[in-house]
Amino acid sequence: MLSFKTVDLEDFTLVHFETDGHVSPEELKSLKPPTVKGSRGVVLSGRGPIWLYAFLVHWYHPTLWVATYDPRLGGAVVVEVHGGNVKVGDVVPLNVDELLE
C-alpha cells in the first residue's frame, strides 16, 4: 500500500511517498499519484523500488522538470528537463525531513 504527501514550494512540488513495508508491481495498474502543476518541477522522495521510481518519473514527465531526492547529496538530482532554470544532473538543495515535519 502506498500513500502520498505533497508540499508546494516556490519552484517545484515535493511528492513524497510511503509504503506499509511492502509494495507490489500489481499496484502500478491502479496507482494514481497526486496531481501537480505542470508548469513547475517535481521532486520525488520516498523509500521504494527502482521500478516505482521509474513509474513516477514517467507519470510526471509532462511537468517542467523531474528530480529524485538523495539525502546523501543534500538535495534532489534533476533527471528530466523540459524547461526552467535547471539542467539534468543539477542538484536542487533540499531537506525533505524538514519539509515533512
N, C-alpha and C. Protein backbone atom coordinates (compact mmCIF):
# COMPACT_ATOMS: atom_id res chain seq x y z
N MET A 1 0.84 -1.19 0.00
CA MET A 1 0.00 0.00 0.00
C MET A 1 0.88 1.24 0.00
N LEU A 2 0.55 2.19 -0.84
CA LEU A 2 1.29 3.45 -0.95
C LEU A 2 0.42 4.61 -0.49
N SER A 3 1.06 5.57 0.15
CA SER A 3 0.38 6.83 0.46
C SER A 3 1.30 7.96 0.02
N PHE A 4 0.70 9.08 -0.37
CA PHE A 4 1.45 10.22 -0.88
C PHE A 4 1.18 11.46 -0.04
N LYS A 5 2.18 12.33 -0.01
CA LYS A 5 2.04 13.65 0.58
C LYS A 5 2.73 14.62 -0.37
N THR A 6 2.10 15.76 -0.62
CA THR A 6 2.72 16.77 -1.46
C THR A 6 2.97 18.04 -0.67
N VAL A 7 4.05 18.74 -1.03
CA VAL A 7 4.38 20.03 -0.43
C VAL A 7 4.72 20.95 -1.59
N ASP A 8 3.96 22.04 -1.73
CA ASP A 8 4.22 23.02 -2.79
C ASP A 8 5.24 24.03 -2.32
N LEU A 9 6.31 24.18 -3.10
CA LEU A 9 7.33 25.18 -2.84
C LEU A 9 7.33 26.16 -4.01
N GLU A 10 8.20 27.15 -3.97
CA GLU A 10 8.18 28.20 -4.98
C GLU A 10 8.36 27.69 -6.40
N ASP A 11 9.36 26.83 -6.62
CA ASP A 11 9.69 26.38 -7.98
C ASP A 11 9.27 24.96 -8.31
N PHE A 12 8.86 24.22 -7.31
CA PHE A 12 8.54 22.81 -7.54
C PHE A 12 7.59 22.28 -6.47
N THR A 13 7.08 21.10 -6.74
CA THR A 13 6.25 20.38 -5.78
C THR A 13 7.00 19.14 -5.33
N LEU A 14 7.09 18.93 -4.03
CA LEU A 14 7.65 17.71 -3.49
C LEU A 14 6.53 16.68 -3.46
N VAL A 15 6.77 15.52 -4.05
CA VAL A 15 5.84 14.40 -3.98
C VAL A 15 6.56 13.30 -3.20
N HIS A 16 6.14 13.12 -1.95
CA HIS A 16 6.76 12.14 -1.07
C HIS A 16 5.81 10.95 -0.92
N PHE A 17 6.36 9.75 -1.00
CA PHE A 17 5.53 8.56 -0.82
C PHE A 17 6.06 7.71 0.32
N GLU A 18 5.14 6.96 0.90
CA GLU A 18 5.49 5.99 1.94
C GLU A 18 4.75 4.70 1.64
N THR A 19 5.37 3.59 2.07
CA THR A 19 4.74 2.29 1.91
C THR A 19 4.49 1.70 3.29
N ASP A 20 3.69 0.67 3.33
CA ASP A 20 3.45 -0.04 4.59
C ASP A 20 4.47 -1.14 4.78
N GLY A 21 5.59 -1.04 4.09
CA GLY A 21 6.65 -2.05 4.19
C GLY A 21 6.71 -2.95 2.99
N HIS A 22 5.65 -2.94 2.19
CA HIS A 22 5.64 -3.79 1.01
C HIS A 22 4.83 -3.10 -0.09
N VAL A 23 5.36 -3.11 -1.26
CA VAL A 23 4.63 -2.61 -2.42
C VAL A 23 4.85 -3.61 -3.55
N SER A 24 3.80 -3.92 -4.28
CA SER A 24 3.92 -4.91 -5.35
C SER A 24 3.72 -4.26 -6.71
N PRO A 25 4.34 -4.83 -7.73
CA PRO A 25 4.16 -4.29 -9.08
C PRO A 25 2.70 -4.23 -9.51
N GLU A 26 1.87 -5.12 -8.98
CA GLU A 26 0.45 -5.14 -9.29
C GLU A 26 -0.21 -3.79 -8.99
N GLU A 27 0.29 -3.11 -7.95
CA GLU A 27 -0.31 -1.83 -7.54
C GLU A 27 -0.16 -0.76 -8.61
N LEU A 28 0.82 -0.89 -9.49
CA LEU A 28 1.02 0.12 -10.54
C LEU A 28 -0.18 0.20 -11.47
N LYS A 29 -0.90 -0.89 -11.62
CA LYS A 29 -2.05 -0.93 -12.54
C LYS A 29 -3.15 0.04 -12.15
N SER A 30 -3.28 0.33 -10.86
CA SER A 30 -4.35 1.23 -10.41
C SER A 30 -3.82 2.47 -9.69
N LEU A 31 -2.51 2.63 -9.66
CA LEU A 31 -1.91 3.75 -8.92
C LEU A 31 -2.19 5.08 -9.62
N LYS A 32 -2.66 6.04 -8.86
CA LYS A 32 -2.92 7.40 -9.35
C LYS A 32 -2.18 8.38 -8.45
N PRO A 33 -0.93 8.72 -8.79
CA PRO A 33 -0.16 9.68 -7.98
C PRO A 33 -0.86 11.05 -7.95
N PRO A 34 -0.50 11.88 -6.99
CA PRO A 34 -1.14 13.19 -6.86
C PRO A 34 -0.96 14.06 -8.10
N THR A 35 -1.95 14.87 -8.37
CA THR A 35 -1.88 15.84 -9.46
C THR A 35 -1.04 17.03 -9.01
N VAL A 36 -0.17 17.52 -9.91
CA VAL A 36 0.66 18.69 -9.63
C VAL A 36 0.56 19.65 -10.81
N LYS A 37 1.03 20.88 -10.61
CA LYS A 37 1.04 21.86 -11.69
C LYS A 37 2.16 21.52 -12.67
N GLY A 38 1.81 21.37 -13.92
CA GLY A 38 2.78 21.01 -14.95
C GLY A 38 3.77 22.10 -15.26
N SER A 39 3.47 23.32 -14.84
CA SER A 39 4.36 24.46 -15.12
C SER A 39 5.48 24.57 -14.10
N ARG A 40 5.59 23.60 -13.22
CA ARG A 40 6.62 23.60 -12.17
C ARG A 40 7.38 22.29 -12.21
N GLY A 41 8.46 22.24 -11.44
CA GLY A 41 9.20 21.00 -11.31
C GLY A 41 8.54 20.08 -10.29
N VAL A 42 9.03 18.83 -10.26
CA VAL A 42 8.57 17.84 -9.29
C VAL A 42 9.80 17.16 -8.70
N VAL A 43 9.82 17.04 -7.37
CA VAL A 43 10.86 16.28 -6.69
C VAL A 43 10.18 15.06 -6.08
N LEU A 44 10.71 13.87 -6.42
CA LEU A 44 10.18 12.62 -5.90
C LEU A 44 11.01 12.18 -4.71
N SER A 45 10.33 11.72 -3.67
CA SER A 45 11.02 11.31 -2.45
C SER A 45 10.28 10.14 -1.83
N GLY A 46 11.04 9.21 -1.26
CA GLY A 46 10.45 8.08 -0.57
C GLY A 46 11.33 6.85 -0.73
N ARG A 47 11.08 5.86 0.11
CA ARG A 47 11.84 4.61 0.03
C ARG A 47 11.01 3.61 -0.75
N GLY A 48 11.54 3.22 -1.90
CA GLY A 48 10.80 2.28 -2.72
C GLY A 48 11.69 1.67 -3.79
N PRO A 49 11.17 0.68 -4.49
CA PRO A 49 11.94 0.01 -5.53
C PRO A 49 12.17 0.90 -6.75
N ILE A 50 13.21 0.58 -7.49
CA ILE A 50 13.56 1.37 -8.67
C ILE A 50 12.44 1.40 -9.69
N TRP A 51 11.69 0.31 -9.82
CA TRP A 51 10.59 0.30 -10.78
C TRP A 51 9.47 1.27 -10.39
N LEU A 52 9.31 1.52 -9.10
CA LEU A 52 8.33 2.52 -8.67
C LEU A 52 8.80 3.92 -9.05
N TYR A 53 10.09 4.19 -8.83
CA TYR A 53 10.64 5.48 -9.25
C TYR A 53 10.52 5.66 -10.76
N ALA A 54 10.79 4.61 -11.53
CA ALA A 54 10.66 4.70 -12.99
C ALA A 54 9.22 5.05 -13.39
N PHE A 55 8.27 4.41 -12.73
CA PHE A 55 6.86 4.70 -12.99
C PHE A 55 6.53 6.16 -12.69
N LEU A 56 7.01 6.65 -11.53
CA LEU A 56 6.70 8.03 -11.12
C LEU A 56 7.38 9.06 -12.02
N VAL A 57 8.62 8.81 -12.42
CA VAL A 57 9.29 9.73 -13.34
C VAL A 57 8.49 9.80 -14.64
N HIS A 58 8.06 8.68 -15.14
CA HIS A 58 7.25 8.67 -16.37
C HIS A 58 5.92 9.39 -16.14
N TRP A 59 5.28 9.16 -15.02
CA TRP A 59 3.99 9.78 -14.71
C TRP A 59 4.11 11.31 -14.73
N TYR A 60 5.19 11.82 -14.16
CA TYR A 60 5.37 13.27 -14.07
C TYR A 60 6.16 13.85 -15.24
N HIS A 61 6.36 13.07 -16.28
CA HIS A 61 7.07 13.51 -17.47
C HIS A 61 6.55 14.84 -18.04
N PRO A 62 5.25 15.10 -18.04
CA PRO A 62 4.76 16.36 -18.62
C PRO A 62 5.11 17.62 -17.82
N THR A 63 5.65 17.48 -16.63
CA THR A 63 5.98 18.67 -15.82
C THR A 63 7.24 19.34 -16.35
N LEU A 64 7.55 20.51 -15.80
CA LEU A 64 8.70 21.30 -16.26
C LEU A 64 10.01 20.53 -16.10
N TRP A 65 10.16 19.87 -14.96
CA TRP A 65 11.33 19.01 -14.73
C TRP A 65 11.02 18.03 -13.61
N VAL A 66 11.82 16.96 -13.54
CA VAL A 66 11.65 15.94 -12.51
C VAL A 66 13.00 15.67 -11.87
N ALA A 67 13.01 15.54 -10.55
CA ALA A 67 14.22 15.23 -9.81
C ALA A 67 13.90 14.17 -8.76
N THR A 68 14.92 13.42 -8.34
CA THR A 68 14.76 12.43 -7.28
C THR A 68 15.64 12.82 -6.11
N TYR A 69 15.07 12.76 -4.92
CA TYR A 69 15.76 13.19 -3.71
C TYR A 69 16.80 12.17 -3.28
N ASP A 70 17.99 12.67 -2.92
CA ASP A 70 19.06 11.84 -2.39
C ASP A 70 19.63 12.55 -1.17
N PRO A 71 19.27 12.10 0.05
CA PRO A 71 19.71 12.80 1.25
C PRO A 71 21.23 12.85 1.39
N ARG A 72 21.93 11.90 0.80
CA ARG A 72 23.40 11.90 0.88
C ARG A 72 24.00 13.09 0.14
N LEU A 73 23.27 13.61 -0.83
CA LEU A 73 23.73 14.76 -1.61
C LEU A 73 23.15 16.08 -1.09
N GLY A 74 22.26 15.99 -0.13
CA GLY A 74 21.63 17.19 0.41
C GLY A 74 20.67 17.86 -0.56
N GLY A 75 20.09 17.06 -1.44
CA GLY A 75 19.16 17.64 -2.39
C GLY A 75 18.61 16.60 -3.35
N ALA A 76 18.02 17.10 -4.43
CA ALA A 76 17.37 16.25 -5.42
C ALA A 76 18.11 16.38 -6.75
N VAL A 77 18.40 15.26 -7.37
CA VAL A 77 19.11 15.23 -8.64
C VAL A 77 18.10 15.33 -9.78
N VAL A 78 18.29 16.33 -10.63
CA VAL A 78 17.40 16.53 -11.77
C VAL A 78 17.69 15.43 -12.81
N VAL A 79 16.64 14.70 -13.21
CA VAL A 79 16.81 13.60 -14.16
C VAL A 79 16.09 13.81 -15.48
N GLU A 80 15.25 14.85 -15.55
CA GLU A 80 14.48 15.12 -16.76
C GLU A 80 14.11 16.59 -16.79
N VAL A 81 14.30 17.24 -17.93
CA VAL A 81 14.03 18.67 -18.04
C VAL A 81 13.29 19.00 -19.34
N HIS A 82 12.26 19.84 -19.20
CA HIS A 82 11.55 20.37 -20.36
C HIS A 82 11.60 21.89 -20.39
N GLY A 83 12.30 22.48 -19.44
CA GLY A 83 12.41 23.93 -19.37
C GLY A 83 12.79 24.35 -17.96
N GLY A 84 12.85 25.64 -17.76
CA GLY A 84 13.19 26.15 -16.44
C GLY A 84 14.67 26.45 -16.32
N ASN A 85 15.10 26.68 -15.10
CA ASN A 85 16.48 27.11 -14.84
C ASN A 85 17.38 25.97 -14.38
N VAL A 86 16.98 24.73 -14.56
CA VAL A 86 17.80 23.60 -14.13
C VAL A 86 18.20 22.76 -15.34
N LYS A 87 19.25 21.96 -15.14
CA LYS A 87 19.73 21.05 -16.17
C LYS A 87 19.81 19.65 -15.58
N VAL A 88 19.74 18.65 -16.44
CA VAL A 88 19.92 17.27 -15.99
C VAL A 88 21.27 17.17 -15.29
N GLY A 89 21.27 16.57 -14.11
CA GLY A 89 22.48 16.43 -13.31
C GLY A 89 22.63 17.49 -12.24
N ASP A 90 21.85 18.57 -12.32
CA ASP A 90 21.88 19.58 -11.25
C ASP A 90 21.33 18.97 -9.96
N VAL A 91 21.84 19.45 -8.83
CA VAL A 91 21.32 19.05 -7.53
C VAL A 91 20.59 20.26 -6.94
N VAL A 92 19.30 20.10 -6.73
CA VAL A 92 18.47 21.15 -6.13
C VAL A 92 18.56 20.98 -4.62
N PRO A 93 19.16 21.96 -3.90
CA PRO A 93 19.30 21.83 -2.44
C PRO A 93 17.94 21.68 -1.76
N LEU A 94 17.88 20.72 -0.84
CA LEU A 94 16.59 20.40 -0.24
C LEU A 94 16.80 19.47 0.96
N ASN A 95 15.99 19.68 2.01
CA ASN A 95 15.96 18.76 3.14
C ASN A 95 14.53 18.31 3.32
N VAL A 96 14.22 17.14 2.82
CA VAL A 96 12.85 16.63 2.83
C VAL A 96 12.34 16.46 4.26
N ASP A 97 13.19 15.99 5.17
CA ASP A 97 12.73 15.78 6.54
C ASP A 97 12.17 17.06 7.16
N GLU A 98 12.82 18.20 6.89
CA GLU A 98 12.31 19.47 7.42
C GLU A 98 10.97 19.82 6.81
N LEU A 99 10.78 19.53 5.54
CA LEU A 99 9.53 19.87 4.86
C LEU A 99 8.36 19.01 5.32
N LEU A 100 8.65 17.80 5.76
CA LEU A 100 7.59 16.87 6.13
C LEU A 100 7.21 16.95 7.61
N GLU A 101 7.91 17.78 8.38
CA GLU A 101 7.60 17.91 9.81
C GLU A 101 6.27 18.58 10.03
